[in-house]
Amino acid sequence: MQPFPIVLALASCLVLAGCAGLRKPHNTTYETFQSDDTHARQYDATDAQACEAARRALLSQGYLVGTARTDFVNGRKNFQPERETHVEIDLRVVCAREGDQGETAVVFVSALQDRYTLKKSSSSASLGVGAIGSLSLPFSASDDSMVKVASETIADGSFYERFFALIDRYLERAGPPPVAASAPPALAAPR
């Protein structure tokens, strides 16, 4: 056995491995984690009041509210912007207590938009009649179905600003948060 073919094979592997390392990695990271607060606002209300205002804001815009708790609200709305296109927005609201007494709340909102399009598929069949001979008549039919073609989190800041403005409006109607009752002062012990 000759050492030259083995050395040549090893050298070729090293060259190929080195070339593979020179390629730029494919960047698939789309998240920047910036602190622009597009998806969060702080309110002078309890978490329950903030989520109730968010629920009312969703209902006022025609969203179907699926889940409504004191700390979480979820709503969906469907649109048909074009004849063969369907869009669905799923909006989720989380209300987190802030502060020692829970007198303020931070509301986090995220909206997911799914886009569907109409997909047409056709099928055909033929009919053979034995008494007449070989006669084939084509019968065709088509089936239409909606197929999801895109799904993404809405990143438009003005979309969230309008939603937070509605929450503001419903919180103003509800009035100020209840004041936490303070403990009565301790009585001095008699001497």
N, C-alpha and C. Protein backbone atom coordinates (compact mmCIF):
# COMPACT_ATOMS: atom_id res chain seq x y z
N MET A 1 0.84 -1.18 0.00
CA MET A 1 0.00 0.00 0.00
C MET A 1 0.88 1.24 0.00
N GLN A 2 0.51 2.17 -0.81
CA GLN A 2 1.35 3.36 -0.97
C GLN A 2 0.84 4.49 -0.09
N PRO A 3 1.73 5.22 0.59
CA PRO A 3 1.31 6.27 1.50
C PRO A 3 0.82 7.53 0.75
N PHE A 4 1.22 7.69 -0.52
CA PHE A 4 0.85 8.90 -1.25
C PHE A 4 -0.67 9.07 -1.39
N PRO A 5 -1.46 8.04 -1.78
CA PRO A 5 -2.91 8.23 -1.89
C PRO A 5 -3.56 8.56 -0.55
N ILE A 6 -3.05 8.01 0.55
CA ILE A 6 -3.62 8.29 1.86
C ILE A 6 -3.33 9.73 2.25
N VAL A 7 -2.09 10.18 2.02
CA VAL A 7 -1.72 11.55 2.33
C VAL A 7 -2.53 12.52 1.48
N LEU A 8 -2.72 12.20 0.20
CA LEU A 8 -3.50 13.05 -0.70
C LEU A 8 -4.96 13.13 -0.24
N ALA A 9 -5.53 12.02 0.19
CA ALA A 9 -6.91 12.00 0.67
C ALA A 9 -7.05 12.84 1.95
N LEU A 10 -6.10 12.72 2.87
CA LEU A 10 -6.15 13.51 4.10
C LEU A 10 -5.99 15.00 3.82
N ALA A 11 -5.10 15.35 2.91
CA ALA A 11 -4.89 16.75 2.55
C ALA A 11 -6.15 17.32 1.91
N SER A 12 -6.80 16.54 1.06
CA SER A 12 -8.04 17.00 0.42
C SER A 12 -9.12 17.25 1.46
N CYS A 13 -9.24 16.37 2.45
CA CYS A 13 -10.23 16.54 3.52
C CYS A 13 -9.96 17.81 4.31
N LEU A 14 -8.69 18.08 4.62
CA LEU A 14 -8.33 19.28 5.37
C LEU A 14 -8.64 20.55 4.58
N VAL A 15 -8.36 20.55 3.29
CA VAL A 15 -8.65 21.71 2.44
C VAL A 15 -10.15 21.95 2.38
N LEU A 16 -10.93 20.89 2.19
CA LEU A 16 -12.39 21.04 2.13
C LEU A 16 -12.95 21.52 3.46
N ALA A 17 -12.43 21.02 4.56
CA ALA A 17 -12.88 21.46 5.88
C ALA A 17 -12.54 22.92 6.10
N GLY A 18 -11.38 23.36 5.65
CA GLY A 18 -10.98 24.76 5.78
C GLY A 18 -11.86 25.66 4.94
N CYS A 19 -12.22 25.23 3.74
CA CYS A 19 -13.09 26.03 2.88
C CYS A 19 -14.49 26.14 3.47
N ALA A 20 -14.97 25.08 4.09
CA ALA A 20 -16.29 25.10 4.70
C ALA A 20 -16.32 26.08 5.87
N GLY A 21 -15.22 26.23 6.57
CA GLY A 21 -15.14 27.15 7.70
C GLY A 21 -15.09 28.60 7.26
N LEU A 22 -14.73 28.89 6.01
CA LEU A 22 -14.65 30.26 5.53
C LEU A 22 -16.00 30.84 5.14
N ARG A 23 -17.00 29.98 4.95
CA ARG A 23 -18.32 30.48 4.55
C ARG A 23 -18.93 31.29 5.68
N LYS A 24 -19.67 32.32 5.30
CA LYS A 24 -20.37 33.11 6.30
C LYS A 24 -21.55 32.31 6.82
N PRO A 25 -21.77 32.33 8.12
CA PRO A 25 -22.92 31.61 8.65
C PRO A 25 -24.22 32.27 8.21
N HIS A 26 -25.26 31.48 7.97
CA HIS A 26 -26.55 31.99 7.56
C HIS A 26 -27.24 32.58 8.79
N ASN A 27 -27.54 33.85 8.76
CA ASN A 27 -28.13 34.53 9.90
C ASN A 27 -29.65 34.41 9.84
N THR A 28 -30.24 33.67 10.76
CA THR A 28 -31.69 33.53 10.82
C THR A 28 -32.28 34.19 12.05
N THR A 29 -31.51 34.99 12.75
CA THR A 29 -31.99 35.66 13.94
C THR A 29 -32.63 36.98 13.54
N TYR A 30 -33.91 37.11 13.85
CA TYR A 30 -34.65 38.32 13.50
C TYR A 30 -34.94 39.17 14.72
N GLU A 31 -34.70 38.66 15.90
CA GLU A 31 -35.02 39.37 17.13
C GLU A 31 -33.87 40.27 17.53
N THR A 32 -34.18 41.50 17.93
CA THR A 32 -33.15 42.46 18.33
C THR A 32 -33.17 42.76 19.82
N PHE A 33 -34.27 42.45 20.51
CA PHE A 33 -34.43 42.73 21.94
C PHE A 33 -34.07 44.17 22.29
N GLN A 34 -34.71 45.10 21.62
CA GLN A 34 -34.52 46.51 21.91
C GLN A 34 -35.49 46.93 23.00
N SER A 35 -35.14 47.97 23.72
CA SER A 35 -35.99 48.43 24.82
C SER A 35 -36.86 49.61 24.37
N ASP A 36 -37.65 49.41 23.32
CA ASP A 36 -38.50 50.49 22.84
C ASP A 36 -39.92 50.43 23.40
N ASP A 37 -40.23 49.44 24.22
CA ASP A 37 -41.53 49.31 24.89
C ASP A 37 -42.72 49.35 23.94
N THR A 38 -42.57 48.76 22.78
CA THR A 38 -43.69 48.69 21.84
C THR A 38 -44.80 47.83 22.40
N HIS A 39 -44.46 46.80 23.14
CA HIS A 39 -45.43 45.82 23.58
C HIS A 39 -45.80 45.92 25.06
N ALA A 40 -45.41 46.99 25.77
CA ALA A 40 -45.70 47.07 27.20
C ALA A 40 -46.00 48.51 27.61
N ARG A 41 -46.93 48.65 28.56
CA ARG A 41 -47.25 49.95 29.15
C ARG A 41 -47.55 49.74 30.63
N GLN A 42 -47.23 50.77 31.43
CA GLN A 42 -47.50 50.74 32.86
C GLN A 42 -48.71 51.61 33.14
N TYR A 43 -49.61 51.12 33.99
CA TYR A 43 -50.84 51.84 34.32
C TYR A 43 -51.00 51.95 35.82
N ASP A 44 -51.63 53.05 36.26
CA ASP A 44 -51.97 53.24 37.66
C ASP A 44 -53.29 52.52 37.92
N ALA A 45 -53.23 51.22 37.94
CA ALA A 45 -54.40 50.36 38.17
C ALA A 45 -53.91 49.02 38.65
N THR A 46 -54.80 48.22 39.19
CA THR A 46 -54.42 46.87 39.58
C THR A 46 -54.33 46.02 38.31
N ASP A 47 -53.72 44.86 38.43
CA ASP A 47 -53.62 43.99 37.27
C ASP A 47 -55.00 43.54 36.80
N ALA A 48 -55.91 43.31 37.74
CA ALA A 48 -57.27 42.91 37.37
C ALA A 48 -58.00 44.02 36.62
N GLN A 49 -57.83 45.27 37.07
CA GLN A 49 -58.47 46.40 36.39
C GLN A 49 -57.88 46.58 34.99
N ALA A 50 -56.57 46.43 34.86
CA ALA A 50 -55.92 46.60 33.56
C ALA A 50 -56.39 45.52 32.58
N CYS A 51 -56.48 44.28 33.04
CA CYS A 51 -56.94 43.21 32.14
C CYS A 51 -58.42 43.36 31.80
N GLU A 52 -59.22 43.86 32.72
CA GLU A 52 -60.63 44.11 32.41
C GLU A 52 -60.74 45.22 31.35
N ALA A 53 -59.92 46.26 31.46
CA ALA A 53 -59.92 47.32 30.45
C ALA A 53 -59.47 46.77 29.09
N ALA A 54 -58.48 45.88 29.10
CA ALA A 54 -58.02 45.26 27.85
C ALA A 54 -59.12 44.40 27.24
N ARG A 55 -59.85 43.66 28.07
CA ARG A 55 -60.96 42.83 27.58
C ARG A 55 -62.03 43.70 26.92
N ARG A 56 -62.36 44.80 27.56
CA ARG A 56 -63.36 45.71 27.01
C ARG A 56 -62.86 46.36 25.72
N ALA A 57 -61.57 46.69 25.67
CA ALA A 57 -61.01 47.26 24.45
C ALA A 57 -61.12 46.28 23.29
N LEU A 58 -60.82 45.01 23.54
CA LEU A 58 -60.93 43.99 22.49
C LEU A 58 -62.37 43.83 22.05
N LEU A 59 -63.30 43.74 23.01
CA LEU A 59 -64.71 43.58 22.67
C LEU A 59 -65.23 44.77 21.86
N SER A 60 -64.75 45.97 22.18
CA SER A 60 -65.22 47.17 21.46
C SER A 60 -64.79 47.18 20.00
N GLN A 61 -63.77 46.39 19.67
CA GLN A 61 -63.27 46.35 18.29
C GLN A 61 -63.70 45.08 17.55
N GLY A 62 -64.60 44.30 18.13
CA GLY A 62 -65.13 43.13 17.47
C GLY A 62 -64.31 41.86 17.63
N TYR A 63 -63.41 41.85 18.59
CA TYR A 63 -62.62 40.64 18.83
C TYR A 63 -63.48 39.63 19.60
N LEU A 64 -63.31 38.38 19.30
CA LEU A 64 -63.94 37.30 20.04
C LEU A 64 -63.00 36.93 21.18
N VAL A 65 -63.42 37.20 22.41
CA VAL A 65 -62.58 36.95 23.57
C VAL A 65 -62.75 35.49 23.97
N GLY A 66 -61.64 34.75 23.94
CA GLY A 66 -61.67 33.33 24.29
C GLY A 66 -61.36 33.09 25.74
N THR A 67 -60.37 33.79 26.28
CA THR A 67 -59.96 33.64 27.67
C THR A 67 -59.88 35.02 28.30
N ALA A 68 -60.46 35.17 29.47
CA ALA A 68 -60.38 36.44 30.20
C ALA A 68 -60.23 36.12 31.68
N ARG A 69 -59.04 36.39 32.20
CA ARG A 69 -58.76 36.21 33.63
C ARG A 69 -58.27 37.54 34.18
N THR A 70 -57.97 37.57 35.47
CA THR A 70 -57.49 38.82 36.07
C THR A 70 -56.07 39.17 35.64
N ASP A 71 -55.35 38.19 35.04
CA ASP A 71 -53.97 38.45 34.63
C ASP A 71 -53.71 38.13 33.15
N PHE A 72 -54.73 37.70 32.41
CA PHE A 72 -54.53 37.30 31.01
C PHE A 72 -55.83 37.43 30.23
N VAL A 73 -55.70 37.98 29.00
CA VAL A 73 -56.85 38.09 28.09
C VAL A 73 -56.38 37.69 26.70
N ASN A 74 -57.21 36.91 26.01
CA ASN A 74 -56.88 36.48 24.65
C ASN A 74 -58.08 36.73 23.76
N GLY A 75 -57.84 37.36 22.59
CA GLY A 75 -58.92 37.63 21.66
C GLY A 75 -58.50 37.39 20.22
N ARG A 76 -59.47 37.03 19.36
CA ARG A 76 -59.22 36.76 17.94
C ARG A 76 -60.18 37.57 17.09
N LYS A 77 -59.69 37.96 15.92
CA LYS A 77 -60.53 38.66 14.95
C LYS A 77 -60.13 38.21 13.56
N ASN A 78 -61.14 38.03 12.69
CA ASN A 78 -60.90 37.57 11.33
C ASN A 78 -61.20 38.68 10.33
N PHE A 79 -60.40 38.72 9.28
CA PHE A 79 -60.54 39.71 8.22
C PHE A 79 -60.48 38.99 6.87
N GLN A 80 -61.10 39.59 5.86
CA GLN A 80 -60.96 39.08 4.50
C GLN A 80 -60.65 40.28 3.60
N PRO A 81 -59.36 40.66 3.53
CA PRO A 81 -58.99 41.86 2.75
C PRO A 81 -59.18 41.69 1.24
N GLU A 82 -59.08 40.47 0.75
CA GLU A 82 -59.26 40.19 -0.67
C GLU A 82 -60.14 38.95 -0.80
N ARG A 83 -60.62 38.72 -2.00
CA ARG A 83 -61.56 37.62 -2.22
C ARG A 83 -60.98 36.26 -1.83
N GLU A 84 -59.73 36.01 -2.13
CA GLU A 84 -59.13 34.71 -1.88
C GLU A 84 -58.09 34.74 -0.76
N THR A 85 -58.18 35.76 0.10
CA THR A 85 -57.24 35.89 1.21
C THR A 85 -58.00 36.06 2.51
N HIS A 86 -57.53 35.40 3.54
CA HIS A 86 -58.14 35.46 4.86
C HIS A 86 -57.02 35.77 5.86
N VAL A 87 -57.26 36.70 6.78
CA VAL A 87 -56.28 37.08 7.79
C VAL A 87 -56.92 36.93 9.17
N GLU A 88 -56.17 36.38 10.09
CA GLU A 88 -56.64 36.20 11.46
C GLU A 88 -55.62 36.81 12.41
N ILE A 89 -56.10 37.67 13.32
CA ILE A 89 -55.23 38.27 14.34
C ILE A 89 -55.58 37.67 15.69
N ASP A 90 -54.56 37.16 16.37
CA ASP A 90 -54.70 36.59 17.71
C ASP A 90 -53.93 37.51 18.65
N LEU A 91 -54.65 38.22 19.52
CA LEU A 91 -54.04 39.21 20.40
C LEU A 91 -54.04 38.66 21.83
N ARG A 92 -52.86 38.70 22.48
CA ARG A 92 -52.70 38.20 23.84
C ARG A 92 -52.22 39.31 24.75
N VAL A 93 -52.86 39.42 25.89
CA VAL A 93 -52.57 40.47 26.86
C VAL A 93 -52.23 39.81 28.19
N VAL A 94 -51.11 40.18 28.77
CA VAL A 94 -50.72 39.71 30.10
C VAL A 94 -50.61 40.93 31.00
N CYS A 95 -51.27 40.87 32.16
CA CYS A 95 -51.24 41.97 33.11
C CYS A 95 -50.46 41.51 34.35
N ALA A 96 -49.37 42.22 34.63
CA ALA A 96 -48.50 41.85 35.74
C ALA A 96 -48.55 42.92 36.82
N ARG A 97 -48.66 42.46 38.05
CA ARG A 97 -48.69 43.37 39.20
C ARG A 97 -47.32 44.00 39.38
N GLU A 98 -47.33 45.27 39.75
CA GLU A 98 -46.09 46.02 39.94
C GLU A 98 -46.20 46.79 41.25
N GLY A 99 -45.13 46.90 41.97
CA GLY A 99 -45.15 47.66 43.22
C GLY A 99 -45.45 46.78 44.42
N ASP A 100 -45.22 47.33 45.60
CA ASP A 100 -45.41 46.59 46.85
C ASP A 100 -46.87 46.26 47.12
N GLN A 101 -47.75 47.20 46.89
CA GLN A 101 -49.17 47.01 47.19
C GLN A 101 -49.96 46.56 45.95
N GLY A 102 -49.30 46.42 44.80
CA GLY A 102 -50.00 46.04 43.58
C GLY A 102 -50.84 47.16 43.02
N GLU A 103 -50.44 48.41 43.32
CA GLU A 103 -51.22 49.57 42.89
C GLU A 103 -50.99 49.94 41.42
N THR A 104 -49.98 49.38 40.81
CA THR A 104 -49.75 49.61 39.38
C THR A 104 -49.61 48.27 38.69
N ALA A 105 -49.85 48.32 37.39
CA ALA A 105 -49.76 47.10 36.59
C ALA A 105 -49.02 47.39 35.30
N VAL A 106 -48.29 46.40 34.83
CA VAL A 106 -47.66 46.49 33.52
C VAL A 106 -48.45 45.57 32.60
N VAL A 107 -48.86 46.12 31.46
CA VAL A 107 -49.64 45.36 30.48
C VAL A 107 -48.73 45.04 29.30
N PHE A 108 -48.59 43.75 29.03
CA PHE A 108 -47.79 43.27 27.91
C PHE A 108 -48.76 42.77 26.82
N VAL A 109 -48.54 43.20 25.59
CA VAL A 109 -49.43 42.82 24.49
C VAL A 109 -48.61 42.28 23.33
N SER A 110 -49.10 41.21 22.74
CA SER A 110 -48.47 40.63 21.56
C SER A 110 -49.57 40.17 20.62
N ALA A 111 -49.43 40.50 19.34
CA ALA A 111 -50.44 40.13 18.35
C ALA A 111 -49.79 39.29 17.26
N LEU A 112 -50.40 38.15 16.99
CA LEU A 112 -49.93 37.24 15.95
C LEU A 112 -50.90 37.31 14.78
N GLN A 113 -50.35 37.51 13.58
CA GLN A 113 -51.17 37.59 12.37
C GLN A 113 -50.91 36.37 11.49
N ASP A 114 -51.96 35.60 11.21
CA ASP A 114 -51.88 34.45 10.31
C ASP A 114 -52.58 34.82 9.01
N ARG A 115 -51.94 34.49 7.89
CA ARG A 115 -52.52 34.78 6.58
C ARG A 115 -52.78 33.47 5.85
N TYR A 116 -53.98 33.35 5.32
CA TYR A 116 -54.41 32.16 4.59
C TYR A 116 -54.79 32.58 3.17
N THR A 117 -54.60 31.67 2.23
CA THR A 117 -55.02 31.93 0.86
C THR A 117 -55.77 30.73 0.34
N LEU A 118 -56.60 30.97 -0.65
CA LEU A 118 -57.42 29.91 -1.22
C LEU A 118 -56.59 29.08 -2.19
N LYS A 119 -56.58 27.78 -1.96
CA LYS A 119 -55.85 26.87 -2.85
C LYS A 119 -56.87 26.03 -3.58
N LYS A 120 -56.77 26.05 -4.90
CA LYS A 120 -57.70 25.28 -5.72
C LYS A 120 -57.00 24.03 -6.21
N SER A 121 -57.71 22.91 -6.10
CA SER A 121 -57.19 21.65 -6.63
C SER A 121 -58.30 21.01 -7.43
N SER A 122 -57.97 20.52 -8.61
CA SER A 122 -58.99 19.91 -9.46
C SER A 122 -58.72 18.42 -9.61
N SER A 123 -59.80 17.69 -9.79
CA SER A 123 -59.69 16.25 -10.01
C SER A 123 -60.63 15.89 -11.16
N SER A 124 -60.30 14.85 -11.87
CA SER A 124 -61.15 14.44 -12.98
C SER A 124 -61.30 12.92 -12.98
N ALA A 125 -62.38 12.47 -13.57
CA ALA A 125 -62.65 11.04 -13.68
C ALA A 125 -63.23 10.78 -15.07
N SER A 126 -63.10 9.58 -15.54
CA SER A 126 -63.69 9.25 -16.84
C SER A 126 -64.61 8.06 -16.69
N LEU A 127 -65.56 7.96 -17.63
CA LEU A 127 -66.57 6.92 -17.58
C LEU A 127 -66.47 6.08 -18.84
N GLY A 128 -66.37 4.79 -18.68
CA GLY A 128 -66.35 3.90 -19.83
C GLY A 128 -67.66 3.14 -19.93
N VAL A 129 -68.27 3.16 -21.09
CA VAL A 129 -69.54 2.46 -21.29
C VAL A 129 -69.25 1.22 -22.12
N GLY A 130 -69.48 0.05 -21.56
CA GLY A 130 -69.12 -1.20 -22.21
C GLY A 130 -69.99 -1.58 -23.39
N ALA A 131 -71.32 -1.30 -23.35
CA ALA A 131 -72.24 -1.71 -24.42
C ALA A 131 -71.99 -0.94 -25.70
N ILE A 132 -71.61 0.31 -25.59
CA ILE A 132 -71.36 1.13 -26.77
C ILE A 132 -69.93 0.95 -27.25
N GLY A 133 -69.12 0.63 -26.39
CA GLY A 133 -67.70 0.51 -26.71
C GLY A 133 -66.92 1.30 -25.69
N SER A 134 -65.82 1.69 -26.08
CA SER A 134 -64.92 2.39 -25.18
C SER A 134 -65.20 3.88 -25.30
N LEU A 135 -66.13 4.39 -24.53
CA LEU A 135 -66.50 5.80 -24.53
C LEU A 135 -66.09 6.39 -23.19
N SER A 136 -65.29 7.36 -23.24
CA SER A 136 -64.83 8.02 -22.01
C SER A 136 -65.31 9.45 -22.01
N LEU A 137 -66.00 9.83 -20.96
CA LEU A 137 -66.46 11.20 -20.78
C LEU A 137 -65.78 11.77 -19.53
N PRO A 138 -65.05 12.85 -19.66
CA PRO A 138 -64.38 13.40 -18.47
C PRO A 138 -65.36 14.16 -17.58
N PHE A 139 -65.28 13.91 -16.30
CA PHE A 139 -66.02 14.66 -15.31
C PHE A 139 -64.97 15.36 -14.44
N SER A 140 -65.11 16.64 -14.29
CA SER A 140 -64.11 17.34 -13.48
C SER A 140 -64.79 18.02 -12.30
N ALA A 141 -64.04 18.14 -11.24
CA ALA A 141 -64.52 18.81 -10.04
C ALA A 141 -63.34 19.53 -9.41
N SER A 142 -63.63 20.56 -8.65
CA SER A 142 -62.54 21.27 -7.98
C SER A 142 -62.88 21.41 -6.50
N ASP A 143 -61.86 21.31 -5.68
CA ASP A 143 -61.99 21.50 -4.24
C ASP A 143 -61.20 22.73 -3.87
N ASP A 144 -61.82 23.61 -3.09
CA ASP A 144 -61.14 24.81 -2.62
C ASP A 144 -60.89 24.66 -1.13
N SER A 145 -59.70 25.03 -0.70
CA SER A 145 -59.39 24.99 0.73
C SER A 145 -58.46 26.15 1.07
N MET A 146 -58.57 26.59 2.32
CA MET A 146 -57.71 27.68 2.79
C MET A 146 -56.42 27.08 3.33
N VAL A 147 -55.29 27.63 2.89
CA VAL A 147 -53.98 27.14 3.29
C VAL A 147 -53.22 28.30 3.95
N LYS A 148 -52.62 28.03 5.14
CA LYS A 148 -51.84 29.07 5.82
C LYS A 148 -50.56 29.30 5.04
N VAL A 149 -50.32 30.57 4.68
CA VAL A 149 -49.13 30.90 3.91
C VAL A 149 -48.16 31.78 4.69
N ALA A 150 -48.59 32.37 5.81
CA ALA A 150 -47.69 33.22 6.59
C ALA A 150 -48.20 33.34 8.02
N SER A 151 -47.27 33.52 8.94
CA SER A 151 -47.59 33.73 10.34
C SER A 151 -46.48 34.58 10.94
N GLU A 152 -46.86 35.74 11.50
CA GLU A 152 -45.83 36.58 12.10
C GLU A 152 -46.41 37.47 13.18
N THR A 153 -45.57 37.86 14.12
CA THR A 153 -45.96 38.79 15.17
C THR A 153 -46.02 40.18 14.57
N ILE A 154 -47.10 40.89 14.84
CA ILE A 154 -47.25 42.25 14.33
C ILE A 154 -46.23 43.14 15.03
N ALA A 155 -45.44 43.86 14.24
CA ALA A 155 -44.37 44.70 14.79
C ALA A 155 -44.69 46.19 14.66
N ASP A 156 -45.81 46.54 14.09
CA ASP A 156 -46.19 47.93 13.86
C ASP A 156 -46.50 48.62 15.19
N GLY A 157 -45.67 49.58 15.57
CA GLY A 157 -45.84 50.28 16.84
C GLY A 157 -47.16 51.02 16.94
N SER A 158 -47.66 51.57 15.83
CA SER A 158 -48.91 52.32 15.88
C SER A 158 -50.10 51.40 16.17
N PHE A 159 -50.03 50.14 15.75
CA PHE A 159 -51.07 49.17 16.07
C PHE A 159 -51.22 49.04 17.60
N TYR A 160 -50.09 48.89 18.29
CA TYR A 160 -50.11 48.74 19.74
C TYR A 160 -50.47 50.05 20.44
N GLU A 161 -50.02 51.18 19.88
CA GLU A 161 -50.36 52.48 20.47
C GLU A 161 -51.87 52.68 20.49
N ARG A 162 -52.55 52.31 19.40
CA ARG A 162 -54.01 52.45 19.34
C ARG A 162 -54.68 51.55 20.38
N PHE A 163 -54.14 50.34 20.56
CA PHE A 163 -54.70 49.42 21.56
C PHE A 163 -54.50 49.97 22.97
N PHE A 164 -53.30 50.48 23.27
CA PHE A 164 -53.05 51.03 24.60
C PHE A 164 -53.92 52.27 24.85
N ALA A 165 -54.21 53.06 23.81
CA ALA A 165 -55.09 54.22 23.96
C ALA A 165 -56.49 53.78 24.35
N LEU A 166 -56.96 52.66 23.79
CA LEU A 166 -58.27 52.12 24.18
C LEU A 166 -58.26 51.65 25.63
N ILE A 167 -57.17 51.02 26.05
CA ILE A 167 -57.07 50.60 27.46
C ILE A 167 -57.15 51.83 28.36
N ASP A 168 -56.42 52.91 27.99
CA ASP A 168 -56.48 54.16 28.75
C ASP A 168 -57.92 54.65 28.90
N ARG A 169 -58.65 54.62 27.80
CA ARG A 169 -60.03 55.12 27.80
C ARG A 169 -60.91 54.30 28.75
N TYR A 170 -60.77 52.98 28.72
CA TYR A 170 -61.59 52.15 29.60
C TYR A 170 -61.14 52.24 31.06
N LEU A 171 -59.86 52.48 31.32
CA LEU A 171 -59.41 52.67 32.69
C LEU A 171 -59.92 54.00 33.26
N GLU A 172 -59.98 55.04 32.42
CA GLU A 172 -60.51 56.33 32.87
C GLU A 172 -61.98 56.20 33.26
N ARG A 173 -62.74 55.42 32.51
CA ARG A 173 -64.16 55.20 32.82
C ARG A 173 -64.33 54.45 34.13
N ALA A 174 -63.38 53.54 34.43
CA ALA A 174 -63.48 52.72 35.64
C ALA A 174 -63.15 53.52 36.89
N GLY A 175 -62.42 54.61 36.76
CA GLY A 175 -62.06 55.41 37.92
C GLY A 175 -60.73 54.98 38.50
N PRO A 176 -60.29 55.62 39.59
CA PRO A 176 -58.99 55.31 40.18
C PRO A 176 -59.00 53.94 40.86
N PRO A 177 -57.82 53.35 41.00
CA PRO A 177 -57.75 52.05 41.68
C PRO A 177 -58.10 52.20 43.14
N PRO A 178 -58.62 51.14 43.74
CA PRO A 178 -58.97 51.24 45.16
C PRO A 178 -57.72 51.46 46.00
N VAL A 179 -57.88 52.26 47.03
CA VAL A 179 -56.77 52.54 47.93
C VAL A 179 -56.65 51.39 48.91
N ALA A 180 -55.43 50.89 49.08
CA ALA A 180 -55.20 49.79 50.01
C ALA A 180 -55.46 50.28 51.42
N ALA A 181 -56.21 49.51 52.16
CA ALA A 181 -56.52 49.87 53.54
C ALA A 181 -55.25 49.75 54.38
N SER A 182 -55.00 50.79 55.15
CA SER A 182 -53.82 50.74 56.01
C SER A 182 -54.22 50.15 57.37
N ALA A 183 -53.27 49.57 58.02
CA ALA A 183 -53.51 48.95 59.33
C ALA A 183 -53.75 50.04 60.36
N PRO A 184 -54.70 49.83 61.29
CA PRO A 184 -54.93 50.86 62.33
C PRO A 184 -53.69 50.98 63.20
N PRO A 185 -53.45 52.17 63.71
CA PRO A 185 -52.27 52.33 64.56
C PRO A 185 -52.39 51.45 65.81
N ALA A 186 -51.27 50.97 66.27
CA ALA A 186 -51.24 50.11 67.45
C ALA A 186 -51.53 50.95 68.68
N LEU A 187 -52.34 50.42 69.54
CA LEU A 187 -52.66 51.12 70.78
C LEU A 187 -51.51 50.96 71.76
N ALA A 188 -51.26 52.03 72.46
CA ALA A 188 -50.20 51.98 73.46
C ALA A 188 -50.69 51.16 74.65
N ALA A 189 -49.83 50.36 75.20
CA ALA A 189 -50.19 49.53 76.35
C ALA A 189 -50.29 50.41 77.59
N PRO A 190 -51.33 50.19 78.41
CA PRO A 190 -51.48 51.02 79.63
C PRO A 190 -50.33 50.73 80.59
N ARG A 191 -49.97 51.77 81.36
CA ARG A 191 -48.88 51.65 82.32
C ARG A 191 -49.36 51.45 83.69
